[in-house]
Protein backbone atom coordinates (compact mmCIF):
# COMPACT_ATOMS: atom_id res chain seq x y z
CA MET A 1 -84.13 -55.57 -48.33
CA PRO A 2 -82.69 -58.62 -46.69
CA LEU A 3 -82.23 -61.75 -48.56
CA THR A 4 -84.62 -64.81 -47.99
CA PHE A 5 -84.16 -68.32 -49.82
CA PRO A 6 -87.31 -70.44 -50.20
CA ALA A 7 -88.07 -72.99 -48.18
CA SER A 8 -87.11 -75.52 -50.81
CA ALA A 9 -84.22 -75.70 -53.17
CA PRO A 10 -83.50 -72.13 -54.90
CA PRO A 11 -83.45 -72.11 -58.48
CA LEU A 12 -80.32 -72.49 -60.47
CA LEU A 13 -79.28 -70.95 -63.92
CA PHE A 14 -76.72 -73.44 -65.64
CA LEU A 15 -74.74 -71.48 -68.19
CA SER A 16 -73.06 -73.73 -70.76
CA PRO A 17 -70.95 -73.04 -74.06
CA ARG A 18 -72.46 -76.08 -75.78
CA VAL A 19 -75.08 -78.66 -74.79
CA PRO A 20 -73.44 -81.89 -73.33
CA TRP A 21 -74.58 -84.36 -76.07
CA PRO A 22 -73.13 -86.41 -77.49
CA LEU A 23 -70.60 -87.45 -75.03
CA ASN A 24 -67.72 -87.47 -77.33
CA THR A 25 -65.41 -84.82 -75.48
CA GLY A 26 -64.15 -84.73 -71.86
CA ALA A 27 -65.94 -81.29 -71.43
CA LYS A 28 -69.29 -82.58 -72.44
CA ILE A 29 -68.81 -85.67 -70.16
CA ARG A 30 -68.08 -83.34 -67.12
CA THR A 31 -70.94 -81.17 -68.06
CA HIS A 32 -73.36 -83.64 -68.22
CA ALA A 33 -72.34 -85.60 -64.97
CA LEU A 34 -72.46 -82.39 -62.95
CA LEU A 35 -75.55 -81.01 -64.76
CA ARG A 36 -77.38 -84.37 -64.13
CA ALA A 37 -76.18 -84.28 -60.40
CA LEU A 38 -77.57 -80.57 -59.92
CA CYS A 39 -80.89 -81.46 -61.57
CA GLU A 40 -81.44 -83.95 -58.75
CA ALA A 41 -80.92 -81.33 -56.19
CA PHE A 42 -82.18 -78.16 -57.62
CA PRO A 43 -84.79 -76.63 -60.26
CA VAL A 44 -82.29 -76.01 -62.97
CA HIS A 45 -82.84 -73.54 -65.70
CA TYR A 46 -80.42 -74.08 -68.57
CA ALA A 47 -79.19 -71.32 -70.86
CA GLY A 48 -76.43 -71.59 -73.60
CA PHE A 49 -75.19 -72.16 -77.01
CA LEU A 50 -76.32 -74.84 -79.36
CA GLN A 51 -73.51 -76.35 -81.61
CA PRO A 52 -74.12 -76.55 -85.28
CA ASP A 53 -73.86 -80.43 -85.27
CA LEU A 54 -76.77 -80.96 -82.95
CA ASN A 55 -80.55 -80.83 -83.70
CA ALA A 56 -82.41 -78.29 -81.58
CA ASP A 57 -85.26 -81.01 -80.71
CA GLU A 58 -82.51 -83.44 -79.75
CA ALA A 59 -80.77 -81.01 -77.58
CA ARG A 60 -84.18 -80.24 -75.74
CA ARG A 61 -84.84 -83.80 -75.26
CA ARG A 62 -81.23 -84.46 -73.76
CA LEU A 63 -81.93 -81.43 -71.53
CA GLY A 64 -85.53 -82.75 -70.49
CA ALA A 65 -84.44 -82.72 -66.65
CA CYS A 66 -84.25 -78.74 -66.76
CA GLU A 67 -87.27 -76.59 -65.96
CA THR A 68 -86.48 -74.29 -68.58
CA ILE A 69 -84.30 -74.27 -71.86
CA LYS A 70 -82.85 -71.49 -73.62
CA LEU A 71 -80.73 -72.01 -76.38
CA TYR A 72 -78.59 -69.68 -78.83
CA PRO A 73 -76.76 -70.61 -81.99
CA GLU A 74 -73.04 -71.10 -81.26
CA GLN A 75 -71.28 -67.79 -82.91
CA GLY A 76 -67.72 -67.44 -84.20
CA ILE A 77 -67.71 -70.69 -86.28
CA SER A 78 -67.82 -69.46 -89.85
CA LEU A 79 -65.16 -67.59 -91.61
CA ARG A 80 -67.25 -64.42 -91.22
CA GLY A 81 -67.81 -64.98 -87.55
CA LYS A 82 -64.23 -65.52 -87.12
CA ALA A 83 -63.47 -62.27 -88.99
CA TRP A 84 -66.01 -60.45 -86.75
CA LEU A 85 -64.29 -61.89 -83.58
CA ALA A 86 -60.99 -60.83 -84.87
CA CYS A 87 -62.11 -57.13 -85.17
CA ARG A 88 -63.77 -57.33 -81.81
CA ALA A 89 -60.36 -58.28 -80.42
CA LEU A 90 -58.63 -55.25 -81.66
CA ALA A 91 -60.91 -53.10 -79.41
CA ASP A 92 -61.37 -55.18 -76.40
CA SER A 93 -58.61 -56.31 -73.67
CA ARG A 94 -60.54 -59.67 -73.42
CA PRO A 95 -59.22 -62.87 -75.16
CA VAL A 96 -60.65 -64.08 -78.28
CA ASN A 97 -61.81 -67.38 -76.53
CA ILE A 98 -64.06 -65.14 -73.95
CA LEU A 99 -65.24 -62.86 -76.59
CA LYS A 100 -66.82 -65.52 -78.53
CA TYR A 101 -69.21 -66.39 -75.77
CA ASP A 102 -70.28 -62.68 -75.02
CA HIS A 103 -73.55 -62.73 -76.64
CA GLY A 104 -75.89 -59.84 -76.10
CA GLY A 105 -78.93 -61.70 -76.35
CA LEU A 106 -77.99 -64.41 -73.53
CA ARG A 107 -76.42 -61.52 -71.52
CA ASP A 108 -79.93 -59.67 -71.52
CA TYR A 109 -81.51 -63.17 -70.46
CA VAL A 110 -79.01 -63.64 -67.68
CA SER A 111 -79.69 -60.32 -66.34
CA LEU A 112 -83.46 -60.79 -66.42
CA TRP A 113 -83.41 -64.26 -65.04
CA ILE A 114 -81.34 -62.73 -62.05
CA GLN A 115 -83.99 -59.98 -61.30
CA GLU A 116 -86.78 -62.54 -61.37
CA ASN A 117 -85.30 -64.96 -59.14
CA PRO A 118 -83.46 -62.94 -56.33
CA ALA A 119 -82.64 -65.91 -54.62
CA GLY A 120 -81.33 -67.65 -57.41
CA LEU A 121 -77.90 -69.32 -57.99
CA VAL A 122 -75.88 -69.21 -61.10
CA HIS A 123 -73.46 -72.04 -62.33
CA ALA A 124 -71.21 -70.91 -64.99
CA ASP A 125 -70.06 -74.18 -66.85
CA HIS A 126 -66.49 -73.22 -67.96
CA LEU A 127 -64.74 -69.69 -67.61
CA HIS A 128 -65.86 -68.66 -70.85
CA MET A 129 -69.71 -68.25 -69.50
CA ALA A 130 -68.79 -65.51 -67.18
CA ALA A 131 -68.80 -63.20 -70.22
CA CYS A 132 -72.63 -63.56 -70.23
CA LEU A 133 -72.95 -62.36 -66.73
CA GLY A 134 -71.81 -58.89 -67.48
CA ASP A 135 -72.33 -56.51 -64.41
CA ALA A 136 -75.11 -59.01 -63.06
CA SER A 137 -74.44 -60.09 -59.51
CA PRO A 138 -76.54 -63.11 -58.57
CA VAL A 139 -76.69 -64.14 -54.73
CA ALA A 140 -74.13 -66.62 -55.53
CA CYS A 141 -72.05 -67.66 -58.69
CA VAL A 142 -70.19 -70.62 -59.11
CA ILE A 143 -67.63 -70.77 -62.00
CA ASP A 144 -66.45 -74.37 -62.85
CA GLU A 145 -62.89 -74.09 -64.46
CA HIS A 146 -62.49 -77.28 -66.35
CA ASN A 147 -58.97 -76.13 -66.88
CA VAL A 148 -56.86 -73.17 -65.96
CA GLU A 149 -57.50 -71.66 -69.26
CA SER A 150 -54.55 -69.13 -69.14
CA VAL A 151 -52.18 -72.15 -68.33
CA ILE A 152 -53.21 -73.95 -71.35
CA LEU A 153 -52.56 -71.03 -73.67
CA GLU A 154 -49.30 -70.58 -71.87
CA ARG A 155 -48.23 -73.95 -72.76
CA MET A 156 -49.53 -73.67 -76.37
CA ALA A 157 -47.35 -70.65 -76.69
CA SER A 158 -44.22 -72.56 -75.76
CA SER A 159 -44.63 -75.72 -77.89
CA TYR A 160 -47.20 -74.72 -80.87
CA HIS A 161 -45.50 -75.78 -84.25
CA ARG A 162 -46.39 -72.69 -85.96
CA ARG A 163 -43.74 -70.43 -84.49
CA GLY A 164 -45.17 -67.44 -86.16
CA LEU A 165 -48.26 -67.81 -83.78
CA ARG A 166 -46.35 -68.03 -80.45
CA PRO A 167 -46.22 -64.33 -79.85
CA TRP A 168 -50.18 -63.93 -80.44
CA LEU A 169 -50.80 -66.97 -78.01
CA ARG A 170 -48.45 -65.38 -75.52
CA ARG A 171 -50.49 -62.32 -75.69
CA GLN A 172 -53.89 -64.08 -75.55
CA ALA A 173 -52.50 -66.03 -72.31
CA ARG A 174 -51.81 -62.73 -70.60
CA ARG A 175 -55.14 -61.63 -71.41
CA MET A 176 -56.90 -64.86 -70.04
CA ALA A 177 -54.85 -64.62 -66.93
CA ASP A 178 -56.17 -61.13 -66.21
CA PHE A 179 -59.61 -61.94 -67.02
CA GLU A 180 -59.36 -65.30 -65.07
CA ALA A 181 -58.10 -63.42 -62.03
CA ARG A 182 -60.70 -60.56 -62.19
CA THR A 183 -63.65 -63.20 -62.55
CA ILE A 184 -62.53 -65.64 -59.97
CA ALA A 185 -61.93 -62.79 -57.51
CA ARG A 186 -65.22 -61.30 -58.01
CA ARG A 187 -67.57 -64.64 -58.26
CA ALA A 188 -68.41 -66.29 -55.10
CA GLN A 189 -66.93 -69.96 -55.71
CA ALA A 190 -64.64 -71.38 -58.27
CA LEU A 191 -64.42 -75.15 -59.06
CA ALA A 192 -61.04 -76.60 -59.92
CA VAL A 193 -60.65 -80.07 -61.29
CA SER A 194 -57.42 -80.78 -59.20
CA PRO A 195 -55.50 -79.49 -56.27
CA GLU A 196 -52.80 -78.30 -58.73
CA ASP A 197 -55.44 -76.40 -60.71
CA ALA A 198 -56.83 -74.95 -57.50
CA ALA A 199 -53.47 -73.78 -56.29
CA ARG A 200 -52.91 -71.99 -59.81
CA LEU A 201 -56.37 -70.18 -59.40
CA GLU A 202 -55.54 -69.23 -55.58
CA ALA A 203 -52.32 -67.62 -57.02
CA LEU A 204 -54.13 -65.82 -59.67
CA ALA A 205 -56.69 -64.44 -57.48
CA PRO A 206 -55.58 -64.39 -53.79
CA GLY A 207 -58.36 -64.93 -51.26
CA ALA A 208 -60.69 -66.47 -53.77
CA ARG A 209 -62.84 -69.32 -52.59
CA VAL A 210 -61.86 -72.50 -54.82
CA THR A 211 -62.92 -75.95 -54.21
CA VAL A 212 -61.89 -79.25 -56.06
CA VAL A 213 -64.61 -81.11 -57.70
CA PRO A 214 -62.53 -83.56 -59.64
CA ASN A 215 -63.31 -85.22 -62.89
CA GLY A 216 -64.73 -88.84 -62.85
CA VAL A 217 -65.91 -91.79 -64.81
CA ASP A 218 -69.05 -93.66 -65.22
CA LEU A 219 -68.10 -97.01 -63.43
CA ASP A 220 -71.10 -98.71 -64.57
CA TYR A 221 -70.32 -98.01 -68.25
CA PHE A 222 -66.57 -98.50 -68.19
CA THR A 223 -66.07 -101.97 -66.93
CA PRO A 224 -63.01 -104.47 -67.03
CA PRO A 225 -63.56 -106.69 -70.21
CA PRO A 226 -65.17 -110.30 -69.54
CA PRO A 227 -62.68 -113.22 -68.45
CA ASP A 228 -62.56 -114.50 -72.08
CA ASN A 229 -61.46 -111.26 -73.72
CA ARG A 230 -58.34 -111.49 -75.70
CA ARG A 231 -56.38 -108.41 -75.90
CA ILE A 232 -54.29 -107.90 -79.28
CA ALA A 233 -50.31 -108.17 -78.62
CA GLY A 234 -48.78 -105.00 -79.66
CA ARG A 235 -51.79 -102.92 -79.84
CA LEU A 236 -51.62 -99.60 -78.47
CA VAL A 237 -54.58 -96.98 -78.18
CA PHE A 238 -54.92 -93.11 -77.77
CA THR A 239 -58.52 -91.68 -77.21
CA GLY A 240 -59.69 -88.06 -77.40
CA SER A 241 -61.28 -85.42 -79.61
CA MET A 242 -58.88 -84.81 -82.31
CA ASP A 243 -60.02 -81.32 -82.81
CA TRP A 244 -58.60 -80.38 -79.76
CA LEU A 245 -54.74 -79.14 -80.22
CA PRO A 246 -53.17 -80.87 -77.16
CA ASN A 247 -54.58 -83.96 -78.50
CA GLN A 248 -53.42 -83.29 -82.12
CA ASP A 249 -49.90 -82.37 -80.54
CA ALA A 250 -49.79 -85.54 -78.51
CA VAL A 251 -50.40 -87.95 -81.33
CA MET A 252 -48.31 -86.20 -83.77
CA HIS A 253 -45.41 -86.11 -81.09
CA PHE A 254 -45.96 -89.90 -80.46
CA LEU A 255 -45.99 -90.86 -84.18
CA ASP A 256 -42.91 -88.56 -84.71
CA SER A 257 -40.80 -89.25 -81.94
CA ILE A 258 -41.92 -92.07 -79.92
CA TRP A 259 -43.18 -94.64 -82.37
CA PRO A 260 -39.96 -95.08 -84.27
CA ARG A 261 -38.25 -95.88 -80.92
CA LEU A 262 -40.35 -98.91 -80.21
CA PRO A 263 -38.14 -102.05 -80.46
CA ARG A 264 -38.94 -104.30 -83.20
CA THR A 265 -37.23 -107.73 -83.07
CA PRO A 266 -38.06 -110.84 -85.20
CA GLY A 267 -40.74 -113.13 -83.78
CA GLN A 268 -42.57 -110.22 -81.88
CA PRO A 269 -46.17 -109.19 -82.93
CA PRO A 270 -45.83 -105.95 -84.73
CA TRP A 271 -47.10 -102.87 -83.05
CA GLN A 272 -50.20 -101.29 -83.71
CA PHE A 273 -51.50 -97.90 -82.72
CA ASP A 274 -55.27 -96.79 -82.84
CA VAL A 275 -56.21 -93.24 -82.69
CA VAL A 276 -59.89 -93.35 -81.54
CA GLY A 277 -61.75 -89.79 -81.60
CA ARG A 278 -63.62 -87.53 -83.80
CA SER A 279 -62.52 -84.82 -86.30
CA PRO A 280 -58.82 -85.91 -86.94
CA SER A 281 -57.00 -83.37 -89.37
CA ALA A 282 -56.20 -84.48 -92.98
CA GLY A 283 -52.62 -84.71 -91.82
CA LEU A 284 -53.11 -87.26 -89.25
CA ARG A 285 -55.31 -89.36 -91.46
CA ALA A 286 -52.59 -89.36 -94.06
CA ARG A 287 -50.27 -90.96 -91.30
CA SER A 288 -52.75 -94.17 -91.54
CA ASP A 289 -51.06 -97.60 -92.62
CA ALA A 290 -51.27 -101.10 -92.04
CA ALA A 291 -50.19 -100.43 -88.42
CA ILE A 292 -51.55 -97.14 -87.80
CA ARG A 293 -55.25 -96.93 -87.58
CA VAL A 294 -57.20 -93.36 -87.44
CA THR A 295 -60.78 -94.21 -86.94
CA GLY A 296 -62.46 -90.66 -86.44
CA ALA A 297 -65.70 -90.63 -84.38
CA VAL A 298 -67.00 -93.99 -83.12
CA PRO A 299 -70.18 -94.90 -81.35
CA ASP A 300 -68.59 -96.52 -78.56
CA ILE A 301 -64.73 -96.66 -77.30
CA ARG A 302 -65.05 -99.29 -74.98
CA PRO A 303 -64.34 -102.37 -77.69
CA PHE A 304 -61.07 -100.44 -78.48
CA LEU A 305 -60.25 -100.23 -74.69
CA HIS A 306 -60.85 -103.87 -74.37
CA GLU A 307 -58.57 -104.90 -77.39
CA ALA A 308 -55.56 -102.68 -76.58
CA MET A 309 -52.62 -103.88 -74.34
CA MET A 310 -52.38 -100.25 -73.13
CA LEU A 311 -53.46 -96.50 -73.31
CA VAL A 312 -50.49 -94.01 -74.22
CA VAL A 313 -51.02 -90.40 -73.24
CA PRO A 314 -48.08 -88.53 -74.50
CA LEU A 315 -49.70 -85.11 -74.02
CA ARG A 316 -47.09 -82.15 -73.99
CA ILE A 317 -49.89 -79.41 -73.57
CA GLY A 318 -53.21 -79.56 -71.22
CA GLY A 319 -54.43 -78.53 -67.98
CA GLY A 320 -57.27 -80.08 -65.78
CA SER A 321 -57.27 -83.68 -65.58
CA ARG A 322 -57.52 -86.29 -68.25
CA LEU A 323 -60.80 -88.38 -68.19
CA LYS A 324 -59.33 -90.56 -70.87
CA ILE A 325 -56.91 -92.03 -67.95
CA LEU A 326 -59.92 -92.55 -65.76
CA GLU A 327 -61.87 -94.36 -68.34
CA ALA A 328 -58.77 -96.66 -68.97
CA PHE A 329 -58.47 -97.33 -65.31
CA ALA A 330 -62.21 -98.28 -64.98
CA ALA A 331 -61.92 -100.37 -68.03
CA GLY A 332 -58.85 -102.23 -66.54
CA LEU A 333 -56.54 -100.98 -69.30
CA PRO A 334 -52.95 -99.91 -68.05
CA VAL A 335 -51.68 -96.66 -69.15
CA VAL A 336 -48.49 -94.78 -70.01
CA SER A 337 -48.55 -91.26 -69.48
CA SER A 338 -46.50 -88.20 -69.74
CA ARG A 339 -46.43 -86.10 -66.38
CA VAL A 340 -48.47 -83.61 -68.13
CA GLY A 341 -50.93 -86.08 -69.28
CA CYS A 342 -51.71 -87.59 -65.82
CA GLU A 343 -51.57 -84.30 -64.15
CA GLY A 344 -54.39 -83.72 -61.51
CA LEU A 345 -55.10 -87.06 -60.60
CA GLU A 346 -53.89 -88.84 -57.64
CA VAL A 347 -51.57 -91.37 -59.17
CA GLU A 348 -48.27 -92.81 -58.38
CA ASP A 349 -45.86 -94.00 -61.06
CA GLY A 350 -45.25 -97.44 -60.92
CA ARG A 351 -48.41 -98.07 -58.79
CA HIS A 352 -51.22 -96.97 -60.96
CA LEU A 353 -49.67 -96.39 -64.15
CA LEU A 354 -46.08 -95.59 -65.74
CA ILE A 355 -45.03 -92.19 -66.10
CA ALA A 356 -42.42 -90.96 -68.81
CA ASP A 357 -41.82 -87.74 -70.55
CA GLU A 358 -38.66 -88.11 -73.05
CA PRO A 359 -39.26 -90.25 -76.21
CA GLU A 360 -36.77 -92.76 -75.42
CA ALA A 361 -37.96 -93.26 -71.96
CA PHE A 362 -41.69 -93.25 -72.93
CA ALA A 363 -40.81 -96.13 -75.81
CA ALA A 364 -39.05 -98.09 -73.06
CA ALA A 365 -42.00 -97.83 -70.67
CA ILE A 366 -44.27 -99.11 -73.34
CA ALA A 367 -41.99 -101.75 -74.09
CA ARG A 368 -41.53 -102.68 -70.33
CA LEU A 369 -45.27 -102.97 -69.90
CA HIS A 370 -46.02 -104.80 -72.93
CA GLY A 371 -43.53 -107.59 -71.87
CA ASP A 372 -44.83 -107.76 -68.20
CA GLU A 373 -48.09 -109.42 -67.98
CA ALA A 374 -47.83 -109.34 -64.08
CA LEU A 375 -47.15 -105.63 -64.15
CA ARG A 376 -50.14 -104.95 -66.54
CA HIS A 377 -52.52 -106.80 -64.24
CA GLU A 378 -51.32 -104.94 -61.20
CA LEU A 379 -51.44 -101.57 -62.85
CA ALA A 380 -54.99 -102.35 -64.19
CA ALA A 381 -56.35 -103.61 -60.72
CA ALA A 382 -54.90 -100.43 -58.99
CA GLY A 383 -56.39 -97.96 -61.42
CA ARG A 384 -59.64 -99.57 -61.06
CA ARG A 385 -59.46 -99.33 -57.40
CA LEU A 386 -58.34 -95.80 -57.52
CA ALA A 387 -61.46 -94.90 -60.04
CA GLN A 388 -63.86 -96.63 -57.55
CA LEU A 389 -62.44 -94.88 -54.26
CA ARG A 390 -61.82 -91.37 -55.91
CA TYR A 391 -63.39 -90.76 -59.39
CA ASP A 392 -67.16 -92.16 -59.20
CA TRP A 393 -69.40 -89.53 -61.04
CA ARG A 394 -71.98 -90.27 -58.15
CA THR A 395 -69.77 -89.40 -55.31
CA ILE A 396 -68.72 -86.47 -57.06
CA GLY A 397 -72.17 -85.21 -57.94
CA ARG A 398 -73.12 -85.48 -54.30
CA ASP A 399 -69.96 -83.59 -53.13
CA LEU A 400 -70.87 -80.75 -55.72
CA VAL A 401 -74.48 -80.35 -54.38
CA GLN A 402 -72.88 -80.12 -50.86
CA THR A 403 -70.76 -77.57 -52.03
CA TYR A 404 -73.71 -75.67 -53.02
CA GLN A 405 -75.39 -76.28 -49.74
CA ASN A 406 -72.58 -74.89 -47.91
CA LEU A 407 -72.63 -71.72 -50.10
CA ILE A 408 -76.05 -71.27 -49.52
CA SER A 409 -75.70 -71.49 -45.88
CA ALA A 410 -72.80 -69.04 -46.12
CA GLU A 411 -74.61 -66.65 -47.95
CA LEU A 412 -77.49 -66.82 -45.24
CA ALA A 413 -75.19 -66.50 -42.33
CA ALA A 414 -73.81 -63.28 -44.06
CA THR A 415 -77.26 -61.75 -44.48
CA PRO A 416 -78.58 -59.72 -41.74
CA THR A 417 -81.90 -60.28 -40.45
CA PRO A 418 -84.76 -58.01 -40.54
CA VAL A 419 -84.22 -57.06 -36.94
CA GLU A 420 -80.47 -56.78 -37.39
CA ALA A 421 -81.09 -54.63 -40.59
CA GLY A 422 -83.55 -52.34 -38.69
CA THR A 423 -81.25 -51.74 -35.65
CA ALA A 424 -77.94 -51.44 -37.48
CA GLY A 425 -76.38 -48.11 -36.71
């Protein structure tokens, strides 16, 4: 039977591993921004998992722009759940991070929704949600790869401090690469956050359709401080969810290898370091002292961005692109970053930020920027301009909707008309 789309926008099923609220992780911020854009263009039906720290009523209120909402409790969190996942992993070739989201009830719901909406579209937020598609074949399915998941696992395996876990991480990376390649090759469209990630996905699945939809920033929310704002000399800041291994590794690396190398001279204001983000480990909290402040979750990170002299991003593990840098750019805060930290962003060393990798070089870049007020102003202004030109969520949302419209047009063009279907052969 030939496919026909309704005259109005087709329905869209949005699958997500967590409700994008509160906006305290980069993943939730991206999900929230793209979901909002899609809700303005399509009748969106939301289905996914509810994290244990969010009330179901609050979740439904935050998802109020969606036509329907279907929520399932997040699984694999308790010790019993983790043991269940480990047992499943013994008999399944897929990585544990994918098995966690393979939920029978949600899979059945997705299958039924596709049957009832033959012209419907499916947006899988994160590769993980592709597990819920099973063998279902929607008209068009878009996989939003927040990161190239296999690359993150490979980098973890190379630098994780618990060496005994590295062989297991390497096996998981191989399994993830296989699942990632098969999924991207099968589905209609993949989204990557950067040209670098797009190239990696195309190498994994030659011939796959991959479109870059970058991360962005809310330029109305993150703004430069008022003219009378006073930054605190010597104050450095790192922002990010501290239950995310790449962030944990970055901060501990900074404290162990970079912090001791910062120059300390008589008469200079003392260095101070704010670690701002939810769920810091007990080990990180134990590093707090008069100069190192570990805040945990805060209601608003903007005061920290306005007080600091610079953002430091000494990441060694990661993928995708860093929203923390875009937020600093939008807030007029200069940045010192590793190459991995600013990977995926269209930045130039010395023009938009300073880039350094080795501890000595990173410490030297901090000292250079701290002592050069003109350079701080130049980098802050260039970062803000770049955020305005390339990383405004409003523009990115419009581009995402256009990607869907192009996909719909391609599917229509590839579908035979009733006359063609009846005369073929």
